[in-house]
Every structure is written in structure tokens, then in C-alpha cells.
Amino acid sequence: MDEEYDRVVRDFVLECKMDISAGYVWVPPTPPIPAPTLEGFEEYP
């Protein structure tokens, strides 16, 4: 029983680490659109 629990916990932790690493890989390449460009368009109607 304890061995099975340890195995489940280990798998869960590994999945969490994979999700976190995937998040760090995928989040940075998509920066938010800078606001100054929108303000520049407003200055030239």
C-alpha cells in the first residue's frame, strides 16, 4: 500500500514538473502587445 502511494506521488510530482517546465517554455515567446503603438495610431487619425 505504501509503495503504491509513493509511486503515485512520484508520478504526480513528475507531471507537475513537466507542466511547469512546459509553461516556462511556452509563456515567454508571447509578450503582450505594447500600448505605445496604439497611442501612436490615435495621434494620427
Protein backbone atom coordinates (compact mmCIF):
# COMPACT_ATOMS: atom_id res chain seq x y z
CA MET A 1 0.00 0.00 0.00
CA ASP A 2 2.74 2.47 0.94
CA GLU A 3 4.79 1.57 -2.15
CA GLU A 4 1.83 2.22 -4.43
CA TYR A 5 1.20 5.58 -2.73
CA ASP A 6 4.85 6.59 -3.15
CA ARG A 7 4.69 5.66 -6.84
CA VAL A 8 1.53 7.73 -7.37
CA VAL A 9 3.05 10.72 -5.57
CA ARG A 10 6.25 10.44 -7.62
CA ASP A 11 4.30 10.34 -10.88
CA PHE A 12 2.21 13.33 -9.77
CA VAL A 13 5.32 15.36 -8.88
CA LEU A 14 6.99 14.48 -12.19
CA GLU A 15 3.87 15.57 -14.10
CA CYS A 16 3.80 18.85 -12.19
CA LYS A 17 7.46 19.48 -13.02
CA MET A 18 6.79 18.72 -16.68
CA ASP A 19 3.81 21.10 -16.71
CA ILE A 20 5.86 23.85 -15.05
CA SER A 21 8.77 23.41 -17.48
CA ALA A 22 6.36 23.41 -20.43
CA GLY A 23 4.80 26.60 -19.07
CA TYR A 24 8.18 28.30 -18.83
CA VAL A 25 8.94 27.20 -22.41
CA TRP A 26 5.67 28.42 -23.90
CA VAL A 27 4.89 31.63 -21.97
CA PRO A 28 7.95 33.86 -22.74
CA PRO A 29 7.70 33.73 -26.59
CA THR A 30 4.31 35.52 -26.48
CA PRO A 31 4.89 39.00 -24.98
CA PRO A 32 1.92 41.36 -24.60
CA ILE A 33 1.35 43.91 -27.38
CA PRO A 34 2.96 47.22 -26.32
CA ALA A 35 0.49 50.04 -25.70
CA PRO A 36 2.58 52.92 -27.24
CA THR A 37 1.82 51.63 -30.77
CA LEU A 38 -1.93 52.03 -30.13
CA GLU A 39 -1.35 55.52 -28.72
CA GLY A 40 0.70 56.40 -31.83
CA PHE A 41 -2.19 55.39 -34.11
CA GLU A 42 -4.54 57.59 -32.08
CA GLU A 43 -2.28 60.60 -32.71
CA TYR A 44 -2.64 60.14 -36.49
CA PRO A 45 -6.38 59.71 -37.29
